[in-house]
């Protein structure tokens, strides 16, 4: 993959991490409301805390992967730059 593709992949992973991290928040907000009450409200709230924690862990893992991919993108970018410079040096040699 090119550095551009890898940077795009890292960006997509970050975006996904943000989405995953917030996916439980709307339900948790409603369940935390004093207006929301039912026989199993405490159980639901506890379950939502668990799922929110799981979502945060998944988001952290996605961000770790995004950081790894960004590192690969930087390495690819360096290789691309070196290859470009080598081609330019080769052209200069041929022009002489």
N, C-alpha and C. Protein backbone atom coordinates (compact mmCIF):
# COMPACT_ATOMS: atom_id res chain seq x y z
N UNK A 1 0.84 -1.18 0.00
CA UNK A 1 0.00 0.00 0.00
C UNK A 1 0.88 1.25 0.00
N UNK A 2 0.37 2.28 -0.60
CA UNK A 2 1.11 3.54 -0.62
C UNK A 2 0.92 4.26 0.71
N UNK A 3 1.77 5.24 0.93
CA UNK A 3 1.65 6.02 2.17
C UNK A 3 0.30 6.73 2.22
N UNK A 4 -0.16 7.21 1.08
CA UNK A 4 -1.46 7.90 1.04
C UNK A 4 -2.58 6.96 1.45
N UNK A 5 -2.54 5.74 0.94
CA UNK A 5 -3.56 4.75 1.30
C UNK A 5 -3.49 4.39 2.78
N UNK A 6 -2.27 4.27 3.28
CA UNK A 6 -2.10 3.93 4.70
C UNK A 6 -2.57 5.07 5.60
N UNK A 7 -2.26 6.30 5.23
CA UNK A 7 -2.75 7.44 6.02
C UNK A 7 -4.28 7.47 6.01
N UNK A 8 -4.88 7.17 4.87
CA UNK A 8 -6.34 7.14 4.77
C UNK A 8 -6.91 6.03 5.65
N UNK A 9 -6.24 4.88 5.66
CA UNK A 9 -6.70 3.77 6.50
C UNK A 9 -6.62 4.16 7.98
N UNK A 10 -5.54 4.81 8.37
CA UNK A 10 -5.39 5.25 9.77
C UNK A 10 -6.50 6.24 10.12
N UNK A 11 -6.80 7.14 9.21
CA UNK A 11 -7.88 8.10 9.45
C UNK A 11 -9.21 7.39 9.61
N UNK A 12 -9.47 6.41 8.76
CA UNK A 12 -10.72 5.65 8.84
C UNK A 12 -10.81 4.88 10.16
N UNK A 13 -9.69 4.35 10.62
CA UNK A 13 -9.68 3.65 11.91
C UNK A 13 -9.99 4.61 13.06
N UNK A 14 -9.43 5.81 13.00
CA UNK A 14 -9.73 6.82 14.03
C UNK A 14 -11.21 7.19 14.02
N UNK A 15 -11.76 7.37 12.83
CA UNK A 15 -13.18 7.70 12.70
C UNK A 15 -14.04 6.58 13.27
N UNK A 16 -13.68 5.35 12.94
CA UNK A 16 -14.42 4.20 13.47
C UNK A 16 -14.30 4.15 14.99
N UNK A 17 -13.12 4.42 15.52
CA UNK A 17 -12.93 4.42 16.97
C UNK A 17 -13.85 5.44 17.63
N UNK A 18 -13.96 6.61 17.03
CA UNK A 18 -14.85 7.64 17.58
C UNK A 18 -16.30 7.17 17.57
N UNK A 19 -16.70 6.53 16.47
CA UNK A 19 -18.07 6.03 16.37
C UNK A 19 -18.33 4.93 17.39
N UNK A 20 -17.39 4.01 17.51
CA UNK A 20 -17.55 2.89 18.45
C UNK A 20 -17.62 3.41 19.89
N UNK A 21 -16.74 4.36 20.19
CA UNK A 21 -16.69 4.88 21.55
C UNK A 21 -18.01 5.53 21.97
N UNK A 22 -18.67 6.16 21.04
CA UNK A 22 -19.90 6.87 21.38
C UNK A 22 -21.18 6.10 21.11
N UNK A 23 -21.07 4.86 20.65
CA UNK A 23 -22.28 4.14 20.22
C UNK A 23 -23.25 3.85 21.36
N UNK A 24 -22.77 3.72 22.57
CA UNK A 24 -23.64 3.39 23.70
C UNK A 24 -24.16 4.65 24.39
N UNK A 25 -23.53 5.78 24.13
CA UNK A 25 -23.86 7.00 24.85
C UNK A 25 -25.34 7.41 24.77
N UNK A 26 -25.97 7.36 23.60
CA UNK A 26 -27.39 7.76 23.57
C UNK A 26 -28.27 6.90 24.49
N UNK A 27 -28.05 5.60 24.47
CA UNK A 27 -28.83 4.71 25.34
C UNK A 27 -28.51 4.97 26.81
N UNK A 28 -27.23 5.19 27.10
CA UNK A 28 -26.83 5.45 28.48
C UNK A 28 -27.43 6.76 28.97
N UNK A 29 -27.47 7.75 28.11
CA UNK A 29 -28.06 9.05 28.48
C UNK A 29 -29.53 8.89 28.83
N UNK A 30 -30.24 8.16 28.01
CA UNK A 30 -31.67 7.94 28.28
C UNK A 30 -31.85 7.14 29.56
N UNK A 31 -31.07 6.09 29.72
CA UNK A 31 -31.22 5.24 30.90
C UNK A 31 -30.81 5.96 32.18
N UNK A 32 -29.94 6.94 32.06
CA UNK A 32 -29.49 7.69 33.24
C UNK A 32 -30.47 8.78 33.64
N UNK A 33 -31.39 9.07 32.78
CA UNK A 33 -32.37 10.12 33.06
C UNK A 33 -33.26 9.73 34.24
N UNK A 34 -33.54 10.68 35.12
CA UNK A 34 -34.44 10.36 36.24
C UNK A 34 -35.86 10.03 35.76
N UNK A 35 -36.18 10.46 34.56
CA UNK A 35 -37.52 10.18 34.02
C UNK A 35 -37.64 8.74 33.53
N UNK A 36 -36.52 8.10 33.31
CA UNK A 36 -36.54 6.73 32.79
C UNK A 36 -36.45 5.79 33.98
N UNK A 37 -37.52 5.11 34.22
CA UNK A 37 -37.54 4.19 35.34
C UNK A 37 -38.44 3.01 34.99
N UNK A 38 -37.97 1.85 35.38
CA UNK A 38 -38.75 0.63 35.18
C UNK A 38 -38.26 -0.39 36.20
N UNK A 39 -38.86 -1.55 36.18
CA UNK A 39 -38.52 -2.57 37.18
C UNK A 39 -37.05 -3.00 37.10
N UNK A 40 -36.51 -3.03 35.91
CA UNK A 40 -35.13 -3.49 35.76
C UNK A 40 -34.18 -2.35 35.38
N UNK A 41 -34.50 -1.14 35.75
CA UNK A 41 -33.70 0.03 35.37
C UNK A 41 -32.25 -0.11 35.86
N UNK A 42 -32.07 -0.57 37.07
CA UNK A 42 -30.71 -0.71 37.61
C UNK A 42 -29.92 -1.74 36.80
N UNK A 43 -30.56 -2.84 36.45
CA UNK A 43 -29.88 -3.86 35.65
C UNK A 43 -29.50 -3.30 34.28
N UNK A 44 -30.40 -2.56 33.68
CA UNK A 44 -30.13 -1.97 32.37
C UNK A 44 -28.98 -0.97 32.47
N UNK A 45 -29.01 -0.14 33.49
CA UNK A 45 -27.94 0.85 33.66
C UNK A 45 -26.59 0.16 33.87
N UNK A 46 -26.58 -0.89 34.67
CA UNK A 46 -25.34 -1.64 34.89
C UNK A 46 -24.84 -2.28 33.59
N UNK A 47 -25.76 -2.83 32.83
CA UNK A 47 -25.38 -3.45 31.55
C UNK A 47 -24.82 -2.39 30.60
N UNK A 48 -25.43 -1.23 30.59
CA UNK A 48 -24.95 -0.16 29.72
C UNK A 48 -23.56 0.32 30.14
N UNK A 49 -23.29 0.35 31.43
CA UNK A 49 -21.94 0.69 31.90
C UNK A 49 -20.93 -0.32 31.36
N UNK A 50 -21.31 -1.59 31.43
CA UNK A 50 -20.44 -2.65 30.91
C UNK A 50 -20.20 -2.46 29.41
N UNK A 51 -21.26 -2.24 28.66
CA UNK A 51 -21.13 -2.09 27.21
C UNK A 51 -20.36 -0.82 26.85
N UNK A 52 -20.54 0.22 27.64
CA UNK A 52 -19.78 1.46 27.38
C UNK A 52 -18.30 1.20 27.60
N UNK A 53 -17.97 0.48 28.65
CA UNK A 53 -16.58 0.13 28.92
C UNK A 53 -16.01 -0.73 27.79
N UNK A 54 -16.79 -1.67 27.32
CA UNK A 54 -16.35 -2.52 26.20
C UNK A 54 -16.13 -1.69 24.95
N UNK A 55 -17.02 -0.74 24.70
CA UNK A 55 -16.88 0.13 23.53
C UNK A 55 -15.62 0.99 23.65
N UNK A 56 -15.36 1.49 24.84
CA UNK A 56 -14.16 2.30 25.05
C UNK A 56 -12.90 1.47 24.84
N UNK A 57 -12.91 0.23 25.31
CA UNK A 57 -11.75 -0.65 25.09
C UNK A 57 -11.56 -0.94 23.61
N UNK A 58 -12.64 -1.20 22.91
CA UNK A 58 -12.55 -1.45 21.47
C UNK A 58 -12.03 -0.21 20.75
N UNK A 59 -12.50 0.96 21.15
CA UNK A 59 -12.03 2.20 20.54
C UNK A 59 -10.54 2.40 20.80
N UNK A 60 -10.10 2.09 21.99
CA UNK A 60 -8.68 2.22 22.32
C UNK A 60 -7.85 1.29 21.43
N UNK A 61 -8.34 0.06 21.22
CA UNK A 61 -7.63 -0.88 20.35
C UNK A 61 -7.60 -0.38 18.91
N UNK A 62 -8.69 0.20 18.46
CA UNK A 62 -8.72 0.76 17.10
C UNK A 62 -7.73 1.92 16.98
N UNK A 63 -7.65 2.75 18.00
CA UNK A 63 -6.70 3.87 17.96
C UNK A 63 -5.26 3.37 17.99
N UNK A 64 -5.02 2.30 18.74
CA UNK A 64 -3.68 1.70 18.73
C UNK A 64 -3.33 1.20 17.33
N UNK A 65 -4.29 0.56 16.69
CA UNK A 65 -4.06 0.07 15.33
C UNK A 65 -3.86 1.24 14.37
N UNK A 66 -4.61 2.31 14.56
CA UNK A 66 -4.44 3.50 13.71
C UNK A 66 -3.04 4.07 13.87
N UNK A 67 -2.54 4.09 15.09
CA UNK A 67 -1.19 4.59 15.34
C UNK A 67 -0.16 3.70 14.66
N UNK A 68 -0.37 2.39 14.73
CA UNK A 68 0.55 1.46 14.07
C UNK A 68 0.54 1.68 12.56
N UNK A 69 -0.65 1.85 12.00
CA UNK A 69 -0.78 2.06 10.56
C UNK A 69 -0.14 3.39 10.16
N UNK A 70 -0.30 4.42 10.99
CA UNK A 70 0.36 5.70 10.70
C UNK A 70 1.87 5.54 10.68
N UNK A 71 2.39 4.73 11.58
CA UNK A 71 3.83 4.44 11.58
C UNK A 71 4.25 3.76 10.29
N UNK A 72 3.45 2.81 9.84
CA UNK A 72 3.72 2.14 8.56
C UNK A 72 3.63 3.14 7.41
N UNK A 73 2.70 4.07 7.50
CA UNK A 73 2.54 5.09 6.46
C UNK A 73 3.79 5.97 6.40
N UNK A 74 4.33 6.33 7.56
CA UNK A 74 5.55 7.15 7.58
C UNK A 74 6.71 6.39 6.96
N UNK A 75 6.82 5.10 7.29
CA UNK A 75 7.89 4.29 6.69
C UNK A 75 7.71 4.21 5.18
N UNK A 76 6.49 4.00 4.74
CA UNK A 76 6.21 3.93 3.30
C UNK A 76 6.53 5.26 2.64
N UNK A 77 6.19 6.34 3.30
CA UNK A 77 6.47 7.67 2.76
C UNK A 77 7.98 7.88 2.61
N UNK A 78 8.73 7.45 3.61
CA UNK A 78 10.19 7.55 3.54
C UNK A 78 10.74 6.72 2.38
N UNK A 79 10.22 5.50 2.22
CA UNK A 79 10.67 4.65 1.11
C UNK A 79 10.32 5.30 -0.23
N UNK A 80 9.13 5.87 -0.31
CA UNK A 80 8.72 6.54 -1.56
C UNK A 80 9.63 7.73 -1.86
N UNK A 81 9.95 8.50 -0.82
CA UNK A 81 10.85 9.64 -1.01
C UNK A 81 12.24 9.18 -1.46
N UNK A 82 12.74 8.14 -0.82
CA UNK A 82 14.06 7.61 -1.20
C UNK A 82 14.05 7.10 -2.63
N UNK A 83 13.00 6.42 -3.02
CA UNK A 83 12.90 5.91 -4.39
C UNK A 83 12.83 7.06 -5.38
N UNK A 84 12.09 8.10 -5.04
CA UNK A 84 11.98 9.27 -5.91
C UNK A 84 13.35 9.95 -6.06
N UNK A 85 14.05 10.10 -4.94
CA UNK A 85 15.37 10.72 -4.99
C UNK A 85 16.34 9.88 -5.81
N UNK A 86 16.26 8.57 -5.67
CA UNK A 86 17.13 7.68 -6.44
C UNK A 86 16.83 7.81 -7.93
N UNK A 87 15.57 7.88 -8.29
CA UNK A 87 15.21 8.06 -9.71
C UNK A 87 15.76 9.38 -10.25
N UNK A 88 15.67 10.43 -9.43
CA UNK A 88 16.19 11.73 -9.85
C UNK A 88 17.71 11.68 -10.03
N UNK A 89 18.41 11.02 -9.12
CA UNK A 89 19.86 10.88 -9.25
C UNK A 89 20.21 10.09 -10.51
N UNK A 90 19.43 9.05 -10.77
CA UNK A 90 19.65 8.23 -11.96
C UNK A 90 19.45 9.05 -13.23
N UNK A 91 18.42 9.87 -13.26
CA UNK A 91 18.17 10.74 -14.43
C UNK A 91 19.32 11.73 -14.62
N UNK A 92 19.82 12.27 -13.52
CA UNK A 92 20.94 13.21 -13.61
C UNK A 92 22.17 12.52 -14.17
N UNK A 93 22.42 11.28 -13.75
CA UNK A 93 23.57 10.53 -14.27
C UNK A 93 23.41 10.26 -15.76
N UNK A 94 22.20 9.93 -16.16
CA UNK A 94 21.95 9.64 -17.57
C UNK A 94 22.06 10.90 -18.42
N UNK A 95 21.73 12.04 -17.85
CA UNK A 95 21.78 13.30 -18.59
C UNK A 95 23.21 13.75 -18.84
N UNK A 96 24.16 13.27 -18.09
CA UNK A 96 25.57 13.69 -18.23
C UNK A 96 26.22 13.02 -19.36
